[in-house]
Amino acid sequence: MPLVIHLVTTAMFVLLGILFMRGKGAFLIAGYNTSSPAEKARTDEKKLCRFMGKFMFVLAGCWLVVASSEIFHTIILFWVGFALFFVAIIIGVVYANTKDRFKK
């Protein structure tokens, strides 16, 4: 049963990645959907969505490592995948919030 949950989680990250890579789903990005209309006008929505799509694919890969711990019955893969997942989140958040990368 845990393998199914891990694979469903991975699939959700992949589906979100596909949605974002197509330039859609900006309303799902928390900081973007709560910003003012003036701030949204200054943001390159396509560029932001493409970054979030790539980010979702990275998170899916990390979670796939977690899922492989169930397949190979080893706890070390779980902890490696879990650590990669949180390191990827920290790097992604820092990258997205520095240097005005998504401004028009």
Protein backbone atom coordinates (compact mmCIF):
# COMPACT_ATOMS: atom_id res chain seq x y z
CA MET A 1 0.00 0.00 0.00
CA PRO A 2 2.73 2.59 0.74
CA LEU A 3 4.19 1.96 -2.73
CA VAL A 4 0.87 2.94 -4.30
CA ILE A 5 0.78 6.15 -2.25
CA HIS A 6 4.34 7.02 -3.28
CA LEU A 7 3.62 6.36 -6.94
CA VAL A 8 0.41 8.43 -6.85
CA THR A 9 2.38 11.29 -5.26
CA THR A 10 5.02 10.99 -7.99
CA ALA A 11 2.32 10.97 -10.66
CA MET A 12 0.77 14.13 -9.20
CA PHE A 13 4.13 15.92 -9.38
CA VAL A 14 4.55 14.79 -12.99
CA LEU A 15 1.04 15.93 -13.94
CA LEU A 16 1.63 19.31 -12.31
CA GLY A 17 4.95 19.51 -14.15
CA ILE A 18 3.25 18.89 -17.48
CA LEU A 19 0.55 21.46 -16.68
CA PHE A 20 3.11 24.11 -15.74
CA MET A 21 5.40 23.36 -18.70
CA ARG A 22 2.49 24.15 -21.00
CA GLY A 23 2.30 27.60 -19.40
CA LYS A 24 -0.96 26.85 -17.64
CA GLY A 25 -1.90 26.63 -13.98
CA ALA A 26 -0.35 29.87 -12.72
CA PHE A 27 -3.32 30.16 -10.35
CA LEU A 28 -1.88 27.14 -8.49
CA ILE A 29 1.34 29.00 -7.61
CA ALA A 30 0.76 30.38 -4.12
CA GLY A 31 2.81 33.57 -4.30
CA TYR A 32 1.59 34.42 -7.77
CA ASN A 33 -2.12 33.92 -7.24
CA THR A 34 -2.19 36.18 -4.18
CA SER A 35 -0.23 39.04 -5.75
CA SER A 36 -1.88 42.25 -6.88
CA PRO A 37 -2.91 42.75 -10.51
CA ALA A 38 -0.10 45.31 -10.89
CA GLU A 39 2.47 42.78 -9.65
CA LYS A 40 1.03 40.09 -11.94
CA ALA A 41 1.40 42.49 -14.89
CA ARG A 42 5.12 42.85 -14.11
CA THR A 43 5.65 39.07 -13.89
CA ASP A 44 6.46 36.85 -16.86
CA GLU A 45 3.84 34.18 -16.26
CA LYS A 46 5.15 31.77 -18.92
CA LYS A 47 8.69 31.88 -17.52
CA LEU A 48 7.39 31.34 -13.98
CA CYS A 49 5.25 28.40 -15.09
CA ARG A 50 8.14 26.79 -16.99
CA PHE A 51 10.35 27.04 -13.90
CA MET A 52 7.63 25.53 -11.72
CA GLY A 53 7.18 22.72 -14.26
CA LYS A 54 10.87 21.84 -14.13
CA PHE A 55 10.74 22.11 -10.35
CA MET A 56 7.82 19.65 -10.20
CA PHE A 57 9.78 17.18 -12.34
CA VAL A 58 12.74 17.43 -9.96
CA LEU A 59 10.43 16.81 -7.00
CA ALA A 60 8.90 13.83 -8.82
CA GLY A 61 12.37 12.36 -9.32
CA CYS A 62 13.19 12.81 -5.65
CA TRP A 63 9.95 11.17 -4.64
CA LEU A 64 10.62 8.32 -7.04
CA VAL A 65 13.74 7.58 -5.00
CA VAL A 66 11.51 7.44 -1.92
CA ALA A 67 9.15 5.06 -3.76
CA SER A 68 12.07 2.84 -4.75
CA SER A 69 12.75 2.26 -1.06
CA GLU A 70 9.50 0.28 -0.96
CA ILE A 71 10.47 -1.73 -4.04
CA PHE A 72 13.95 -2.63 -2.78
CA HIS A 73 12.95 -2.83 0.90
CA THR A 74 15.76 -0.59 2.10
CA ILE A 75 15.31 2.37 4.40
CA ILE A 76 18.41 4.17 3.13
CA LEU A 77 16.70 5.00 -0.18
CA PHE A 78 13.81 6.48 1.75
CA TRP A 79 16.09 8.83 3.68
CA VAL A 80 18.17 9.72 0.62
CA GLY A 81 15.03 10.56 -1.37
CA PHE A 82 13.55 12.47 1.54
CA ALA A 83 16.74 14.51 1.97
CA LEU A 84 16.93 15.20 -1.78
CA PHE A 85 13.29 16.30 -1.72
CA PHE A 86 13.86 18.88 1.00
CA VAL A 87 17.17 20.11 -0.42
CA ALA A 88 15.44 20.56 -3.80
CA ILE A 89 12.65 22.54 -2.14
CA ILE A 90 15.09 24.84 -0.37
CA ILE A 91 17.13 25.42 -3.54
CA GLY A 92 13.99 25.96 -5.64
CA VAL A 93 12.48 28.48 -3.22
CA VAL A 94 15.74 30.42 -2.91
CA TYR A 95 16.23 30.41 -6.69
CA ALA A 96 12.67 31.56 -7.39
CA ASN A 97 12.79 34.40 -4.88
CA THR A 98 16.13 35.99 -5.76
CA LYS A 99 17.25 38.37 -8.51
CA ASP A 100 13.79 39.13 -9.97
CA ARG A 101 14.12 36.15 -12.33
CA PHE A 102 10.50 36.25 -13.47
CA LYS A 103 10.05 39.96 -14.11
CA LYS A 104 9.16 41.17 -17.59
